[in-house]
Amino acid sequence: MRLQQNQVWRKGENHYRIVNLERLAVDYKLLKDPATKEGTHHRLSKKEFCRLLRGATLLP
């Protein structure tokens, strides 16, 4: 899995947009609707974020 900034991942009804990508941490925004771009900011380690995305699909 190759992570990059501004990628949008979908898992179930939730969408995750990577806001800031660092060496060991990921800042992401949890979105209900990616068109509105409204959501809550969260921060996880890269390892935890990859576990969160397991089974998710990358949106174009």
C-alpha atoms as a PDB file:
ATOM      1  CA  MET A   1       0.000   0.000   0.000  1.00  0.00           C
ATOM      2  CA  ARG A   2       1.443   3.351  -1.034  1.00  0.00           C
ATOM      3  CA  LEU A   3       0.117   6.318   0.931  1.00  0.00           C
ATOM      4  CA  GLN A   4       0.153   9.860  -0.447  1.00  0.00           C
ATOM      5  CA  GLN A   5      -1.351  13.158   0.661  1.00  0.00           C
ATOM      6  CA  ASN A   6      -4.897  13.951  -0.508  1.00  0.00           C
ATOM      7  CA  GLN A   7      -5.766  10.312  -1.186  1.00  0.00           C
ATOM      8  CA  VAL A   8      -9.353   9.408  -0.363  1.00  0.00           C
ATOM      9  CA  TRP A   9     -10.086   5.908   0.925  1.00  0.00           C
ATOM     10  CA  ARG A  10     -13.561   4.429   1.394  1.00  0.00           C
ATOM     11  CA  LYS A  11     -14.458   1.795   3.957  1.00  0.00           C
ATOM     12  CA  GLY A  12     -18.139   1.169   4.457  1.00  0.00           C
ATOM     13  CA  GLU A  13     -19.926   4.509   4.731  1.00  0.00           C
ATOM     14  CA  ASN A  14     -16.830   6.385   5.924  1.00  0.00           C
ATOM     15  CA  HIS A  15     -14.293   8.188   3.765  1.00  0.00           C
ATOM     16  CA  TYR A  16     -10.761   8.933   4.947  1.00  0.00           C
ATOM     17  CA  ARG A  17      -8.733  11.730   3.317  1.00  0.00           C
ATOM     18  CA  ILE A  18      -5.021  11.948   4.122  1.00  0.00           C
ATOM     19  CA  VAL A  19      -4.310  15.554   5.082  1.00  0.00           C
ATOM     20  CA  ASN A  20      -0.675  15.339   6.200  1.00  0.00           C
ATOM     21  CA  LEU A  21       1.666  12.396   5.804  1.00  0.00           C
ATOM     22  CA  GLU A  22       4.801  12.184   7.930  1.00  0.00           C
ATOM     23  CA  ARG A  23       7.374   9.473   8.422  1.00  0.00           C
ATOM     24  CA  LEU A  24       5.708   7.893  11.447  1.00  0.00           C
ATOM     25  CA  ALA A  25       2.302   9.590  11.645  1.00  0.00           C
ATOM     26  CA  VAL A  26      -0.730  10.329   9.501  1.00  0.00           C
ATOM     27  CA  ASP A  27      -3.169  13.207   9.910  1.00  0.00           C
ATOM     28  CA  TYR A  28      -6.461  12.359   8.270  1.00  0.00           C
ATOM     29  CA  LYS A  29      -9.971  13.687   7.992  1.00  0.00           C
ATOM     30  CA  LEU A  30     -12.965  11.409   8.568  1.00  0.00           C
ATOM     31  CA  LEU A  31     -15.687  12.352   6.070  1.00  0.00           C
ATOM     32  CA  LYS A  32     -19.252  11.138   5.717  1.00  0.00           C
ATOM     33  CA  ASP A  33     -19.587  12.737   2.257  1.00  0.00           C
ATOM     34  CA  PRO A  34     -16.345  13.518   0.350  1.00  0.00           C
ATOM     35  CA  ALA A  35     -18.101  16.103  -1.859  1.00  0.00           C
ATOM     36  CA  THR A  36     -18.766  18.468   1.071  1.00  0.00           C
ATOM     37  CA  LYS A  37     -15.248  18.071   2.528  1.00  0.00           C
ATOM     38  CA  GLU A  38     -16.637  18.517   6.037  1.00  0.00           C
ATOM     39  CA  GLY A  39     -15.386  16.177   8.710  1.00  0.00           C
ATOM     40  CA  THR A  40     -13.270  15.713  11.801  1.00  0.00           C
ATOM     41  CA  HIS A  41      -9.469  15.669  11.978  1.00  0.00           C
ATOM     42  CA  HIS A  42      -7.627  12.755  13.557  1.00  0.00           C
ATOM     43  CA  ARG A  43      -3.996  11.677  13.991  1.00  0.00           C
ATOM     44  CA  LEU A  44      -2.679   8.112  14.107  1.00  0.00           C
ATOM     45  CA  SER A  45       0.617   6.347  13.699  1.00  0.00           C
ATOM     46  CA  LYS A  46       1.196   4.968  10.210  1.00  0.00           C
ATOM     47  CA  LYS A  47       0.853   1.425  11.478  1.00  0.00           C
ATOM     48  CA  GLU A  48      -2.514   2.094  13.128  1.00  0.00           C
ATOM     49  CA  PHE A  49      -3.744   3.969  10.048  1.00  0.00           C
ATOM     50  CA  CYS A  50      -2.853   1.060   7.755  1.00  0.00           C
ATOM     51  CA  ARG A  51      -4.745  -1.280  10.077  1.00  0.00           C
ATOM     52  CA  LEU A  52      -7.712   1.095   9.926  1.00  0.00           C
ATOM     53  CA  LEU A  53      -7.647   1.004   6.113  1.00  0.00           C
ATOM     54  CA  ARG A  54      -7.521  -2.784   5.860  1.00  0.00           C
ATOM     55  CA  GLY A  55     -10.269  -3.737   3.413  1.00  0.00           C
ATOM     56  CA  ALA A  56     -10.760  -0.152   2.205  1.00  0.00           C
ATOM     57  CA  THR A  57     -10.725   0.942  -1.447  1.00  0.00           C
ATOM     58  CA  LEU A  58      -8.837   3.876  -2.920  1.00  0.00           C
ATOM     59  CA  LEU A  59     -11.067   6.363  -4.755  1.00  0.00           C
ATOM     60  CA  PRO A  60      -9.771   8.020  -7.937  1.00  0.00           C
END
